[in-house]
Amino acid sequence: KERDTVAVISRSGGNTYYADSVKGRFTISRDVAKNTVYLQMNSLK
């Protein structure tokens, strides 16, 4: 299958985007102190 966008976060960290297929289930976040971006995935299918 093709590569799909799941979630995106802006450089500011204040804006996010989610694909319709994961909206309400997944959360993207970033921790600057840890130099890490996370994708929390709930209600997995």
ModelCIF file with pLDDT and N, C-alpha, C, O atoms, coordinates in Angstrom:
data_MODEL
#
_entry.id   MODEL 
#
_entity.id                         1 
_entity.type                       polymer 
_entity.pdbx_number_of_molecules   1 
#
_entity_poly.entity_id                      1 
_entity_poly.type                           'polypeptide(L)' 
_entity_poly.nstd_linkage                   no 
_entity_poly.nstd_monomer                   no 
_entity_poly.pdbx_seq_one_letter_code       KERDTVAVISRSGGNTYYADSVKGRFTISRDVAKNTVYLQMNSLK 
_entity_poly.pdbx_seq_one_letter_code_can   KERDTVAVISRSGGNTYYADSVKGRFTISRDVAKNTVYLQMNSLK 
_entity_poly.pdbx_strand_id                 A 
#
loop_
_entity_poly_seq.entity_id 
_entity_poly_seq.num 
_entity_poly_seq.mon_id 
_entity_poly_seq.hetero 
1 1  LYS n 
1 2  GLU n 
1 3  ARG n 
1 4  ASP n 
1 5  THR n 
1 6  VAL n 
1 7  ALA n 
1 8  VAL n 
1 9  ILE n 
1 10 SER n 
1 11 ARG n 
1 12 SER n 
1 13 GLY n 
1 14 GLY n 
1 15 ASN n 
1 16 THR n 
1 17 TYR n 
1 18 TYR n 
1 19 ALA n 
1 20 ASP n 
1 21 SER n 
1 22 VAL n 
1 23 LYS n 
1 24 GLY n 
1 25 ARG n 
1 26 PHE n 
1 27 THR n 
1 28 ILE n 
1 29 SER n 
1 30 ARG n 
1 31 ASP n 
1 32 VAL n 
1 33 ALA n 
1 34 LYS n 
1 35 ASN n 
1 36 THR n 
1 37 VAL n 
1 38 TYR n 
1 39 LEU n 
1 40 GLN n 
1 41 MET n 
1 42 ASN n 
1 43 SER n 
1 44 LEU n 
1 45 LYS n 
#
_struct_asym.id          A 
_struct_asym.entity_id   1 
#
loop_
_ma_qa_metric.id 
_ma_qa_metric.mode 
_ma_qa_metric.name 
_ma_qa_metric.software_group_id 
_ma_qa_metric.type 
1 global pLDDT . pLDDT 
2 local  pLDDT . pLDDT 
#
_ma_qa_metric_global.metric_id      1 
_ma_qa_metric_global.metric_value   94.84 
_ma_qa_metric_global.model_id       1 
_ma_qa_metric_global.ordinal_id     1 
#
loop_
_ma_qa_metric_local.label_asym_id 
_ma_qa_metric_local.label_comp_id 
_ma_qa_metric_local.label_seq_id 
_ma_qa_metric_local.metric_id 
_ma_qa_metric_local.metric_value 
_ma_qa_metric_local.model_id 
_ma_qa_metric_local.ordinal_id 
A LYS 1  2 94.00 1 1  
A GLU 2  2 94.00 1 2  
A ARG 3  2 95.00 1 3  
A ASP 4  2 97.00 1 4  
A THR 5  2 98.00 1 5  
A VAL 6  2 98.00 1 6  
A ALA 7  2 98.00 1 7  
A VAL 8  2 97.00 1 8  
A ILE 9  2 96.00 1 9  
A SER 10 2 93.00 1 10 
A ARG 11 2 89.00 1 11 
A SER 12 2 88.00 1 12 
A GLY 13 2 87.00 1 13 
A GLY 14 2 89.00 1 14 
A ASN 15 2 95.00 1 15 
A THR 16 2 97.00 1 16 
A TYR 17 2 98.00 1 17 
A TYR 18 2 98.00 1 18 
A ALA 19 2 98.00 1 19 
A ASP 20 2 98.00 1 20 
A SER 21 2 97.00 1 21 
A VAL 22 2 98.00 1 22 
A LYS 23 2 98.00 1 23 
A GLY 24 2 98.00 1 24 
A ARG 25 2 98.00 1 25 
A PHE 26 2 98.00 1 26 
A THR 27 2 98.00 1 27 
A ILE 28 2 97.00 1 28 
A SER 29 2 95.00 1 29 
A ARG 30 2 91.00 1 30 
A ASP 31 2 90.00 1 31 
A VAL 32 2 84.00 1 32 
A ALA 33 2 85.00 1 33 
A LYS 34 2 87.00 1 34 
A ASN 35 2 87.00 1 35 
A THR 36 2 92.00 1 36 
A VAL 37 2 95.00 1 37 
A TYR 38 2 97.00 1 38 
A LEU 39 2 98.00 1 39 
A GLN 40 2 98.00 1 40 
A MET 41 2 98.00 1 41 
A ASN 42 2 98.00 1 42 
A SER 43 2 98.00 1 43 
A LEU 44 2 98.00 1 44 
A LYS 45 2 98.00 1 45 
#
loop_
_atom_site.group_PDB 
_atom_site.id 
_atom_site.type_symbol 
_atom_site.label_atom_id 
_atom_site.label_alt_id 
_atom_site.label_comp_id 
_atom_site.label_asym_id 
_atom_site.label_entity_id 
_atom_site.label_seq_id 
_atom_site.pdbx_PDB_ins_code 
_atom_site.Cartn_x 
_atom_site.Cartn_y 
_atom_site.Cartn_z 
_atom_site.occupancy 
_atom_site.B_iso_or_equiv 
_atom_site.pdbx_formal_charge 
_atom_site.auth_seq_id 
_atom_site.auth_comp_id 
_atom_site.auth_asym_id 
_atom_site.auth_atom_id 
_atom_site.pdbx_PDB_model_num 
ATOM 1   N N  . LYS A 1 1  ? 0.822   -1.203 0.000  1.00 94.00 ? 1  LYS A N  1 
ATOM 2   C CA . LYS A 1 1  ? 0.000   0.000  0.000  1.00 94.00 ? 1  LYS A CA 1 
ATOM 3   C C  . LYS A 1 1  ? 0.858   1.256  0.000  1.00 94.00 ? 1  LYS A C  1 
ATOM 4   O O  . LYS A 1 1  ? 2.059   1.207  0.267  1.00 94.00 ? 1  LYS A O  1 
ATOM 5   N N  . GLU A 1 2  ? 0.224   2.370  -0.302 1.00 94.00 ? 2  GLU A N  1 
ATOM 6   C CA . GLU A 1 2  ? 0.911   3.657  -0.327 1.00 94.00 ? 2  GLU A CA 1 
ATOM 7   C C  . GLU A 1 2  ? 1.206   4.139  1.082  1.00 94.00 ? 2  GLU A C  1 
ATOM 8   O O  . GLU A 1 2  ? 0.539   3.755  2.043  1.00 94.00 ? 2  GLU A O  1 
ATOM 9   N N  . ARG A 1 3  ? 2.224   4.991  1.183  1.00 95.00 ? 3  ARG A N  1 
ATOM 10  C CA . ARG A 1 3  ? 2.545   5.623  2.454  1.00 95.00 ? 3  ARG A CA 1 
ATOM 11  C C  . ARG A 1 3  ? 1.511   6.699  2.765  1.00 95.00 ? 3  ARG A C  1 
ATOM 12  O O  . ARG A 1 3  ? 1.239   7.559  1.927  1.00 95.00 ? 3  ARG A O  1 
ATOM 13  N N  . ASP A 1 4  ? 0.945   6.657  3.943  1.00 97.00 ? 4  ASP A N  1 
ATOM 14  C CA . ASP A 1 4  ? -0.109  7.579  4.337  1.00 97.00 ? 4  ASP A CA 1 
ATOM 15  C C  . ASP A 1 4  ? 0.345   8.480  5.471  1.00 97.00 ? 4  ASP A C  1 
ATOM 16  O O  . ASP A 1 4  ? 1.112   8.070  6.341  1.00 97.00 ? 4  ASP A O  1 
ATOM 17  N N  . THR A 1 5  ? -0.135  9.698  5.447  1.00 98.00 ? 5  THR A N  1 
ATOM 18  C CA . THR A 1 5  ? 0.076   10.612 6.554  1.00 98.00 ? 5  THR A CA 1 
ATOM 19  C C  . THR A 1 5  ? -0.833  10.229 7.714  1.00 98.00 ? 5  THR A C  1 
ATOM 20  O O  . THR A 1 5  ? -2.022  9.980  7.520  1.00 98.00 ? 5  THR A O  1 
ATOM 21  N N  . VAL A 1 6  ? -0.279  10.183 8.907  1.00 98.00 ? 6  VAL A N  1 
ATOM 22  C CA . VAL A 1 6  ? -1.044  9.841  10.102 1.00 98.00 ? 6  VAL A CA 1 
ATOM 23  C C  . VAL A 1 6  ? -1.313  11.089 10.942 1.00 98.00 ? 6  VAL A C  1 
ATOM 24  O O  . VAL A 1 6  ? -2.463  11.398 11.255 1.00 98.00 ? 6  VAL A O  1 
ATOM 25  N N  . ALA A 1 7  ? -0.251  11.801 11.303 1.00 98.00 ? 7  ALA A N  1 
ATOM 26  C CA . ALA A 1 7  ? -0.378  12.983 12.143 1.00 98.00 ? 7  ALA A CA 1 
ATOM 27  C C  . ALA A 1 7  ? 0.825   13.881 11.928 1.00 98.00 ? 7  ALA A C  1 
ATOM 28  O O  . ALA A 1 7  ? 1.921   13.409 11.625 1.00 98.00 ? 7  ALA A O  1 
ATOM 29  N N  . VAL A 1 8  ? 0.614   15.168 12.085 1.00 97.00 ? 8  VAL A N  1 
ATOM 30  C CA . VAL A 1 8  ? 1.651   16.167 11.870 1.00 97.00 ? 8  VAL A CA 1 
ATOM 31  C C  . VAL A 1 8  ? 1.582   17.208 12.974 1.00 97.00 ? 8  VAL A C  1 
ATOM 32  O O  . VAL A 1 8  ? 0.499   17.538 13.457 1.00 97.00 ? 8  VAL A O  1 
ATOM 33  N N  . ILE A 1 9  ? 2.742   17.729 13.376 1.00 96.00 ? 9  ILE A N  1 
ATOM 34  C CA . ILE A 1 9  ? 2.796   18.804 14.358 1.00 96.00 ? 9  ILE A CA 1 
ATOM 35  C C  . ILE A 1 9  ? 3.708   19.895 13.824 1.00 96.00 ? 9  ILE A C  1 
ATOM 36  O O  . ILE A 1 9  ? 4.751   19.610 13.237 1.00 96.00 ? 9  ILE A O  1 
ATOM 37  N N  . SER A 1 10 ? 3.313   21.144 14.029 1.00 93.00 ? 10 SER A N  1 
ATOM 38  C CA . SER A 1 10 ? 4.075   22.272 13.522 1.00 93.00 ? 10 SER A CA 1 
ATOM 39  C C  . SER A 1 10 ? 5.353   22.478 14.323 1.00 93.00 ? 10 SER A C  1 
ATOM 40  O O  . SER A 1 10 ? 5.508   21.935 15.417 1.00 93.00 ? 10 SER A O  1 
ATOM 41  N N  . ARG A 1 11 ? 6.276   23.277 13.759 1.00 89.00 ? 11 ARG A N  1 
ATOM 42  C CA . ARG A 1 11 ? 7.508   23.596 14.478 1.00 89.00 ? 11 ARG A CA 1 
ATOM 43  C C  . ARG A 1 11 ? 7.221   24.287 15.797 1.00 89.00 ? 11 ARG A C  1 
ATOM 44  O O  . ARG A 1 11 ? 7.962   24.124 16.767 1.00 89.00 ? 11 ARG A O  1 
ATOM 45  N N  . SER A 1 12 ? 6.143   25.059 15.832 1.00 88.00 ? 12 SER A N  1 
ATOM 46  C CA . SER A 1 12 ? 5.771   25.737 17.063 1.00 88.00 ? 12 SER A CA 1 
ATOM 47  C C  . SER A 1 12 ? 5.294   24.764 18.139 1.00 88.00 ? 12 SER A C  1 
ATOM 48  O O  . SER A 1 12 ? 5.348   25.074 19.329 1.00 88.00 ? 12 SER A O  1 
ATOM 49  N N  . GLY A 1 13 ? 4.835   23.603 17.724 1.00 87.00 ? 13 GLY A N  1 
ATOM 50  C CA . GLY A 1 13 ? 4.268   22.628 18.641 1.00 87.00 ? 13 GLY A CA 1 
ATOM 51  C C  . GLY A 1 13 ? 2.816   22.876 18.984 1.00 87.00 ? 13 GLY A C  1 
ATOM 52  O O  . GLY A 1 13 ? 2.191   22.067 19.669 1.00 87.00 ? 13 GLY A O  1 
ATOM 53  N N  . GLY A 1 14 ? 2.273   23.988 18.514 1.00 89.00 ? 14 GLY A N  1 
ATOM 54  C CA . GLY A 1 14 ? 0.931   24.369 18.887 1.00 89.00 ? 14 GLY A CA 1 
ATOM 55  C C  . GLY A 1 14 ? -0.163  23.951 17.929 1.00 89.00 ? 14 GLY A C  1 
ATOM 56  O O  . GLY A 1 14 ? -1.344  24.060 18.258 1.00 89.00 ? 14 GLY A O  1 
ATOM 57  N N  . ASN A 1 15 ? 0.206   23.473 16.745 1.00 95.00 ? 15 ASN A N  1 
ATOM 58  C CA . ASN A 1 15 ? -0.773  23.087 15.739 1.00 95.00 ? 15 ASN A CA 1 
ATOM 59  C C  . ASN A 1 15 ? -0.575  21.630 15.355 1.00 95.00 ? 15 ASN A C  1 
ATOM 60  O O  . ASN A 1 15 ? 0.556   21.170 15.198 1.00 95.00 ? 15 ASN A O  1 
ATOM 61  N N  . THR A 1 16 ? -1.665  20.913 15.206 1.00 97.00 ? 16 THR A N  1 
ATOM 62  C CA . THR A 1 16 ? -1.609  19.498 14.843 1.00 97.00 ? 16 THR A CA 1 
ATOM 63  C C  . THR A 1 16 ? -2.629  19.169 13.767 1.00 97.00 ? 16 THR A C  1 
ATOM 64  O O  . THR A 1 16 ? -3.636  19.857 13.603 1.00 97.00 ? 16 THR A O  1 
ATOM 65  N N  . TYR A 1 17 ? -2.339  18.098 13.039 1.00 98.00 ? 17 TYR A N  1 
ATOM 66  C CA . TYR A 1 17 ? -3.226  17.586 12.003 1.00 98.00 ? 17 TYR A CA 1 
ATOM 67  C C  . TYR A 1 17 ? -3.315  16.072 12.143 1.00 98.00 ? 17 TYR A C  1 
ATOM 68  O O  . TYR A 1 17 ? -2.327  15.413 12.468 1.00 98.00 ? 17 TYR A O  1 
ATOM 69  N N  . TYR A 1 18 ? -4.509  15.521 11.896 1.00 98.00 ? 18 TYR A N  1 
ATOM 70  C CA . TYR A 1 18 ? -4.705  14.081 11.948 1.00 98.00 ? 18 TYR A CA 1 
ATOM 71  C C  . TYR A 1 18 ? -5.471  13.603 10.726 1.00 98.00 ? 18 TYR A C  1 
ATOM 72  O O  . TYR A 1 18 ? -6.401  14.262 10.261 1.00 98.00 ? 18 TYR A O  1 
ATOM 73  N N  . ALA A 1 19 ? -5.072  12.458 10.218 1.00 98.00 ? 19 ALA A N  1 
ATOM 74  C CA . ALA A 1 19 ? -5.850  11.820 9.170  1.00 98.00 ? 19 ALA A CA 1 
ATOM 75  C C  . ALA A 1 19 ? -7.223  11.452 9.714  1.00 98.00 ? 19 ALA A C  1 
ATOM 76  O O  . ALA A 1 19 ? -7.370  11.148 10.898 1.00 98.00 ? 19 ALA A O  1 
ATOM 77  N N  . ASP A 1 20 ? -8.221  11.482 8.846  1.00 98.00 ? 20 ASP A N  1 
ATOM 78  C CA . ASP A 1 20 ? -9.574  11.157 9.281  1.00 98.00 ? 20 ASP A CA 1 
ATOM 79  C C  . ASP A 1 20 ? -9.659  9.773  9.911  1.00 98.00 ? 20 ASP A C  1 
ATOM 80  O O  . ASP A 1 20 ? -10.448 9.556  10.831 1.00 98.00 ? 20 ASP A O  1 
ATOM 81  N N  . SER A 1 21 ? -8.858  8.844  9.427  1.00 97.00 ? 21 SER A N  1 
ATOM 82  C CA . SER A 1 21 ? -8.917  7.472  9.900  1.00 97.00 ? 21 SER A CA 1 
ATOM 83  C C  . SER A 1 21 ? -8.435  7.304  11.342 1.00 97.00 ? 21 SER A C  1 
ATOM 84  O O  . SER A 1 21 ? -8.753  6.303  11.984 1.00 97.00 ? 21 SER A O  1 
ATOM 85  N N  . VAL A 1 22 ? -7.675  8.271  11.856 1.00 98.00 ? 22 VAL A N  1 
ATOM 86  C CA . VAL A 1 22 ? -7.143  8.161  13.214 1.00 98.00 ? 22 VAL A CA 1 
ATOM 87  C C  . VAL A 1 22 ? -7.640  9.266  14.130 1.00 98.00 ? 22 VAL A C  1 
ATOM 88  O O  . VAL A 1 22 ? -7.342  9.252  15.325 1.00 98.00 ? 22 VAL A O  1 
ATOM 89  N N  . LYS A 1 23 ? -8.374  10.204 13.608 1.00 98.00 ? 23 LYS A N  1 
ATOM 90  C CA . LYS A 1 23 ? -8.850  11.336 14.387 1.00 98.00 ? 23 LYS A CA 1 
ATOM 91  C C  . LYS A 1 23 ? -9.674  10.860 15.577 1.00 98.00 ? 23 LYS A C  1 
ATOM 92  O O  . LYS A 1 23 ? -10.575 10.034 15.431 1.00 98.00 ? 23 LYS A O  1 
ATOM 93  N N  . GLY A 1 24 ? -9.362  11.381 16.735 1.00 98.00 ? 24 GLY A N  1 
ATOM 94  C CA . GLY A 1 24 ? -10.052 10.996 17.951 1.00 98.00 ? 24 GLY A CA 1 
ATOM 95  C C  . GLY A 1 24 ? -9.439  9.808  18.651 1.00 98.00 ? 24 GLY A C  1 
ATOM 96  O O  . GLY A 1 24 ? -9.783  9.530  19.800 1.00 98.00 ? 24 GLY A O  1 
ATOM 97  N N  . ARG A 1 25 ? -8.536  9.092  17.989 1.00 98.00 ? 25 ARG A N  1 
ATOM 98  C CA . ARG A 1 25 ? -7.884  7.922  18.575 1.00 98.00 ? 25 ARG A CA 1 
ATOM 99  C C  . ARG A 1 25 ? -6.392  8.134  18.811 1.00 98.00 ? 25 ARG A C  1 
ATOM 100 O O  . ARG A 1 25 ? -5.838  7.617  19.781 1.00 98.00 ? 25 ARG A O  1 
ATOM 101 N N  . PHE A 1 26 ? -5.744  8.888  17.931 1.00 98.00 ? 26 PHE A N  1 
ATOM 102 C CA . PHE A 1 26 ? -4.303  9.112  18.012 1.00 98.00 ? 26 PHE A CA 1 
ATOM 103 C C  . PHE A 1 26 ? -4.015  10.542 18.440 1.00 98.00 ? 26 PHE A C  1 
ATOM 104 O O  . PHE A 1 26 ? -4.791  11.453 18.153 1.00 98.00 ? 26 PHE A O  1 
ATOM 105 N N  . THR A 1 27 ? -2.891  10.736 19.132 1.00 98.00 ? 27 THR A N  1 
ATOM 106 C CA . THR A 1 27 ? -2.457  12.059 19.542 1.00 98.00 ? 27 THR A CA 1 
ATOM 107 C C  . THR A 1 27 ? -0.965  12.214 19.300 1.00 98.00 ? 27 THR A C  1 
ATOM 108 O O  . THR A 1 27 ? -0.169  11.395 19.761 1.00 98.00 ? 27 THR A O  1 
ATOM 109 N N  . ILE A 1 28 ? -0.585  13.257 18.580 1.00 97.00 ? 28 ILE A N  1 
ATOM 110 C CA . ILE A 1 28 ? 0.830   13.571 18.380 1.00 97.00 ? 28 ILE A CA 1 
ATOM 111 C C  . ILE A 1 28 ? 1.225   14.662 19.367 1.00 97.00 ? 28 ILE A C  1 
ATOM 112 O O  . ILE A 1 28 ? 0.465   15.600 19.604 1.00 97.00 ? 28 ILE A O  1 
ATOM 113 N N  . SER A 1 29 ? 2.411   14.535 19.937 1.00 95.00 ? 29 SER A N  1 
ATOM 114 C CA . SER A 1 29 ? 2.905   15.529 20.876 1.00 95.00 ? 29 SER A CA 1 
ATOM 115 C C  . SER A 1 29 ? 4.423   15.571 20.807 1.00 95.00 ? 29 SER A C  1 
ATOM 116 O O  . SER A 1 29 ? 5.053   14.675 20.246 1.00 95.00 ? 29 SER A O  1 
ATOM 117 N N  . ARG A 1 30 ? 5.001   16.610 21.377 1.00 91.00 ? 30 ARG A N  1 
ATOM 118 C CA . ARG A 1 30 ? 6.454   16.718 21.400 1.00 91.00 ? 30 ARG A CA 1 
ATOM 119 C C  . ARG A 1 30 ? 6.936   17.195 22.755 1.00 91.00 ? 30 ARG A C  1 
ATOM 120 O O  . ARG A 1 30 ? 6.283   18.005 23.413 1.00 91.00 ? 30 ARG A O  1 
ATOM 121 N N  . ASP A 1 31 ? 8.083   16.684 23.162 1.00 90.00 ? 31 ASP A N  1 
ATOM 122 C CA . ASP A 1 31 ? 8.722   17.055 24.411 1.00 90.00 ? 31 ASP A CA 1 
ATOM 123 C C  . ASP A 1 31 ? 10.087  17.613 24.039 1.00 90.00 ? 31 ASP A C  1 
ATOM 124 O O  . ASP A 1 31 ? 11.009  16.855 23.739 1.00 90.00 ? 31 ASP A O  1 
ATOM 125 N N  . VAL A 1 32 ? 10.219  18.925 24.056 1.00 84.00 ? 32 VAL A N  1 
ATOM 126 C CA . VAL A 1 32 ? 11.454  19.572 23.641 1.00 84.00 ? 32 VAL A CA 1 
ATOM 127 C C  . VAL A 1 32 ? 12.616  19.189 24.553 1.00 84.00 ? 32 VAL A C  1 
ATOM 128 O O  . VAL A 1 32 ? 13.733  18.985 24.078 1.00 84.00 ? 32 VAL A O  1 
ATOM 129 N N  . ALA A 1 33 ? 12.364  19.089 25.849 1.00 85.00 ? 33 ALA A N  1 
ATOM 130 C CA . ALA A 1 33 ? 13.414  18.754 26.804 1.00 85.00 ? 33 ALA A CA 1 
ATOM 131 C C  . ALA A 1 33 ? 14.027  17.389 26.519 1.00 85.00 ? 33 ALA A C  1 
ATOM 132 O O  . ALA A 1 33 ? 15.213  17.179 26.773 1.00 85.00 ? 33 ALA A O  1 
ATOM 133 N N  . LYS A 1 34 ? 13.234  16.463 25.995 1.00 87.00 ? 34 LYS A N  1 
ATOM 134 C CA . LYS A 1 34 ? 13.707  15.112 25.693 1.00 87.00 ? 34 LYS A CA 1 
ATOM 135 C C  . LYS A 1 34 ? 14.018  14.906 24.218 1.00 87.00 ? 34 LYS A C  1 
ATOM 136 O O  . LYS A 1 34 ? 14.390  13.805 23.811 1.00 87.00 ? 34 LYS A O  1 
ATOM 137 N N  . ASN A 1 35 ? 13.870  15.953 23.415 1.00 87.00 ? 35 ASN A N  1 
ATOM 138 C CA . ASN A 1 35 ? 14.101  15.864 21.969 1.00 87.00 ? 35 ASN A CA 1 
ATOM 139 C C  . ASN A 1 35 ? 13.324  14.702 21.351 1.00 87.00 ? 35 ASN A C  1 
ATOM 140 O O  . ASN A 1 35 ? 13.862  13.944 20.544 1.00 87.00 ? 35 ASN A O  1 
ATOM 141 N N  . THR A 1 36 ? 12.074  14.571 21.733 1.00 92.00 ? 36 THR A N  1 
ATOM 142 C CA . THR A 1 36 ? 11.285  13.411 21.337 1.00 92.00 ? 36 THR A CA 1 
ATOM 143 C C  . THR A 1 36 ? 9.877   13.821 20.906 1.00 92.00 ? 36 THR A C  1 
ATOM 144 O O  . THR A 1 36 ? 9.249   14.689 21.513 1.00 92.00 ? 36 THR A O  1 
ATOM 145 N N  . VAL A 1 37 ? 9.402   13.172 19.844 1.00 95.00 ? 37 VAL A N  1 
ATOM 146 C CA . VAL A 1 37 ? 8.025   13.302 19.393 1.00 95.00 ? 37 VAL A CA 1 
ATOM 147 C C  . VAL A 1 37 ? 7.321   11.984 19.659 1.00 95.00 ? 37 VAL A C  1 
ATOM 148 O O  . VAL A 1 37 ? 7.902   10.915 19.473 1.00 95.00 ? 37 VAL A O  1 
ATOM 149 N N  . TYR A 1 38 ? 6.075   12.059 20.094 1.00 97.00 ? 38 TYR A N  1 
ATOM 150 C CA . TYR A 1 38 ? 5.316   10.865 20.441 1.00 97.00 ? 38 TYR A CA 1 
ATOM 151 C C  . TYR A 1 38 ? 4.076   10.733 19.568 1.00 97.00 ? 38 TYR A C  1 
ATOM 152 O O  . TYR A 1 38 ? 3.543   11.719 19.059 1.00 97.00 ? 38 TYR A O  1 
ATOM 153 N N  . LEU A 1 39 ? 3.635   9.504  19.409 1.00 98.00 ? 39 LEU A N  1 
ATOM 154 C CA . LEU A 1 39 ? 2.335   9.229  18.821 1.00 98.00 ? 39 LEU A CA 1 
ATOM 155 C C  . LEU A 1 39 ? 1.615   8.270  19.759 1.00 98.00 ? 39 LEU A C  1 
ATOM 156 O O  . LEU A 1 39 ? 1.919   7.078  19.797 1.00 98.00 ? 39 LEU A O  1 
ATOM 157 N N  . GLN A 1 40 ? 0.666   8.796  20.507 1.00 98.00 ? 40 GLN A N  1 
ATOM 158 C CA . GLN A 1 40 ? -0.156  7.973  21.380 1.00 98.00 ? 40 GLN A CA 1 
ATOM 159 C C  . GLN A 1 40 ? -1.298  7.395  20.558 1.00 98.00 ? 40 GLN A C  1 
ATOM 160 O O  . GLN A 1 40 ? -2.073  8.141  19.961 1.00 98.00 ? 40 GLN A O  1 
ATOM 161 N N  . MET A 1 41 ? -1.405  6.083  20.525 1.00 98.00 ? 41 MET A N  1 
ATOM 162 C CA . MET A 1 41 ? -2.396  5.403  19.710 1.00 98.00 ? 41 MET A CA 1 
ATOM 163 C C  . MET A 1 41 ? -3.324  4.618  20.627 1.00 98.00 ? 41 MET A C  1 
ATOM 164 O O  . MET A 1 41 ? -2.901  3.674  21.294 1.00 98.00 ? 41 MET A O  1 
ATOM 165 N N  . ASN A 1 42 ? -4.585  5.015  20.654 1.00 98.00 ? 42 ASN A N  1 
ATOM 166 C CA . ASN A 1 42 ? -5.596  4.354  21.460 1.00 98.00 ? 42 ASN A CA 1 
ATOM 167 C C  . ASN A 1 42 ? -6.653  3.723  20.569 1.00 98.00 ? 42 ASN A C  1 
ATOM 168 O O  . ASN A 1 42 ? -6.760  4.053  19.388 1.00 98.00 ? 42 ASN A O  1 
ATOM 169 N N  . SER A 1 43 ? -7.428  2.820  21.139 1.00 98.00 ? 43 SER A N  1 
ATOM 170 C CA . SER A 1 43 ? -8.503  2.147  20.411 1.00 98.00 ? 43 SER A CA 1 
ATOM 171 C C  . SER A 1 43 ? -8.013  1.593  19.080 1.00 98.00 ? 43 SER A C  1 
ATOM 172 O O  . SER A 1 43 ? -8.639  1.800  18.041 1.00 98.00 ? 43 SER A O  1 
ATOM 173 N N  . LEU A 1 44 ? -6.906  0.899  19.123 1.00 98.00 ? 44 LEU A N  1 
ATOM 174 C CA . LEU A 1 44 ? -6.278  0.411  17.899 1.00 98.00 ? 44 LEU A CA 1 
ATOM 175 C C  . LEU A 1 44 ? -7.148  -0.612 17.179 1.00 98.00 ? 44 LEU A C  1 
ATOM 176 O O  . LEU A 1 44 ? -7.850  -1.411 17.799 1.00 98.00 ? 44 LEU A O  1 
ATOM 177 N N  . LYS A 1 45 ? -7.079  -0.562 15.859 1.00 98.00 ? 45 LYS A N  1 
ATOM 178 C CA . LYS A 1 45 ? -7.824  -1.449 14.987 1.00 98.00 ? 45 LYS A CA 1 
ATOM 179 C C  . LYS A 1 45 ? -6.861  -2.248 14.125 1.00 98.00 ? 45 LYS A C  1 
ATOM 180 O O  . LYS A 1 45 ? -7.293  -3.064 13.311 1.00 98.00 ? 45 LYS A O  1 
#
